[in-house]
Every structure is written in structure tokens, then in C-alpha cells.
Amino acid sequence: MSLVARRYDVNANQVFAWRRRYRAGSAEPAGLQLMPVTVTPDQPIDTAPARADGLIEIELAGGYRLRIGSGVKASALRLVLDVLERR
């Protein structure tokens, strides 16, 4: 539970409290429900060489891989990199 909580930047105690409230039937607002989750193994890494058609590929720590085409604005790319850096 703590690994999942850390992965999504949530306190594990909060997740336990939500689960306890849900089981007790006091989840608010009405209609909220837990969704099933399936964990699958990571996909194999594609080792094909990058194409030279204006595509940049960046591999980041944590298993993130970005492929950026020539039409991407620098401000949009900076936003994505900032978000990934905080994880």
C-alpha cells in the first residue's frame, strides 16, 4: 500500500482511511467507488535506432521515455519535463 501511495504522491494513511470509510459504507459523496486495478509487467524496451526525421527521443529516470517531433513547442516540452522531474 505504501508503494502505491508514494507512487501517486498520496499518504498511505489516507489511502487506508479511504478504504476503511468505503468498507464502512460512509464514502462521500454518494456514488464514489473503488475501481479495480490490474498491474502488468513493463513492456520491453524498443532498441530500434531513432529515426532521423526530426524525432528526438529522451529516456528519463523512472522508466519514462519521451519522443518529441519537430512540431512540438518548447514551452509545451518544458511543461512536460517539469512535471516528470517532480515525480
Protein backbone atom coordinates (compact mmCIF):
# COMPACT_ATOMS: atom_id res chain seq x y z
CA MET A 1 0.00 0.00 0.00
CA SER A 2 2.80 2.40 0.85
CA LEU A 3 4.50 1.88 -2.52
CA VAL A 4 1.30 2.70 -4.38
CA ALA A 5 0.68 5.72 -2.16
CA ARG A 6 4.20 7.06 -2.75
CA ARG A 7 3.94 6.48 -6.48
CA TYR A 8 0.90 8.73 -6.66
CA ASP A 9 2.13 11.21 -4.03
CA VAL A 10 -0.57 10.27 -1.51
CA ASN A 11 -0.07 9.49 2.16
CA ALA A 12 -0.53 5.75 2.84
CA ASN A 13 -2.57 6.50 5.97
CA GLN A 14 -5.02 8.47 3.82
CA VAL A 15 -5.44 5.51 1.48
CA PHE A 16 -6.11 3.22 4.44
CA ALA A 17 -8.65 5.74 5.80
CA TRP A 18 -10.43 5.93 2.43
CA ARG A 19 -10.57 2.15 2.26
CA ARG A 20 -11.92 1.91 5.82
CA ARG A 21 -14.62 4.54 5.09
CA TYR A 22 -15.58 2.77 1.87
CA ARG A 23 -15.93 -0.60 3.63
CA ALA A 24 -18.00 1.03 6.40
CA GLY A 25 -20.36 2.46 3.78
CA SER A 26 -19.57 6.08 4.58
CA ALA A 27 -17.82 7.07 1.37
CA GLU A 28 -18.80 10.62 0.48
CA PRO A 29 -20.15 11.90 -1.78
CA ALA A 30 -22.54 9.09 -2.61
CA GLY A 31 -21.70 7.20 -5.75
CA LEU A 32 -17.94 7.05 -5.23
CA GLN A 33 -16.49 3.60 -5.58
CA LEU A 34 -13.11 1.94 -5.74
CA MET A 35 -12.04 0.81 -9.18
CA PRO A 36 -10.22 -2.46 -9.84
CA VAL A 37 -6.59 -2.12 -10.88
CA THR A 38 -4.54 -4.56 -12.90
CA VAL A 39 -0.76 -4.35 -12.68
CA THR A 40 1.06 -5.63 -15.74
CA PRO A 41 4.76 -6.11 -16.36
CA ASP A 42 6.68 -3.32 -18.08
CA GLN A 43 6.76 -3.53 -21.84
CA PRO A 44 10.10 -4.48 -23.39
CA ILE A 45 12.23 -1.50 -24.39
CA ASP A 46 12.35 -0.88 -28.11
CA THR A 47 16.02 -0.90 -29.08
CA ALA A 48 15.48 0.21 -32.66
CA PRO A 49 17.62 3.20 -33.61
CA ALA A 50 15.91 6.58 -33.62
CA ARG A 51 14.73 7.81 -37.00
CA ALA A 52 16.38 10.89 -38.41
CA ASP A 53 13.11 12.57 -39.44
CA GLY A 54 13.05 15.33 -36.83
CA LEU A 55 12.27 12.97 -33.93
CA ILE A 56 14.12 13.30 -30.63
CA GLU A 57 13.94 10.53 -28.05
CA ILE A 58 14.73 11.23 -24.39
CA GLU A 59 14.99 8.48 -21.77
CA LEU A 60 14.49 9.69 -18.19
CA ALA A 61 14.98 8.07 -14.80
CA GLY A 62 11.92 6.20 -13.58
CA GLY A 63 11.33 4.47 -16.90
CA TYR A 64 9.91 7.48 -18.73
CA ARG A 65 10.64 7.79 -22.43
CA LEU A 66 9.67 10.83 -24.47
CA ARG A 67 9.55 11.00 -28.23
CA ILE A 68 9.31 14.55 -29.45
CA GLY A 69 8.57 15.55 -33.01
CA SER A 70 9.75 18.72 -34.71
CA GLY A 71 6.32 20.36 -34.32
CA VAL A 72 6.39 20.49 -30.51
CA LYS A 73 6.60 23.95 -28.94
CA ALA A 74 9.42 24.48 -26.48
CA SER A 75 7.00 25.73 -23.81
CA ALA A 76 4.93 22.52 -24.01
CA LEU A 77 8.05 20.36 -23.78
CA ARG A 78 9.31 22.37 -20.77
CA LEU A 79 5.97 21.80 -19.01
CA VAL A 80 6.15 18.03 -19.57
CA LEU A 81 9.76 17.85 -18.39
CA ASP A 82 8.96 19.90 -15.28
CA VAL A 83 6.11 17.57 -14.35
CA LEU A 84 8.22 14.44 -14.85
CA GLU A 85 11.08 15.95 -12.86
CA ARG A 86 8.81 16.35 -9.81
CA ARG A 87 7.85 12.64 -9.75
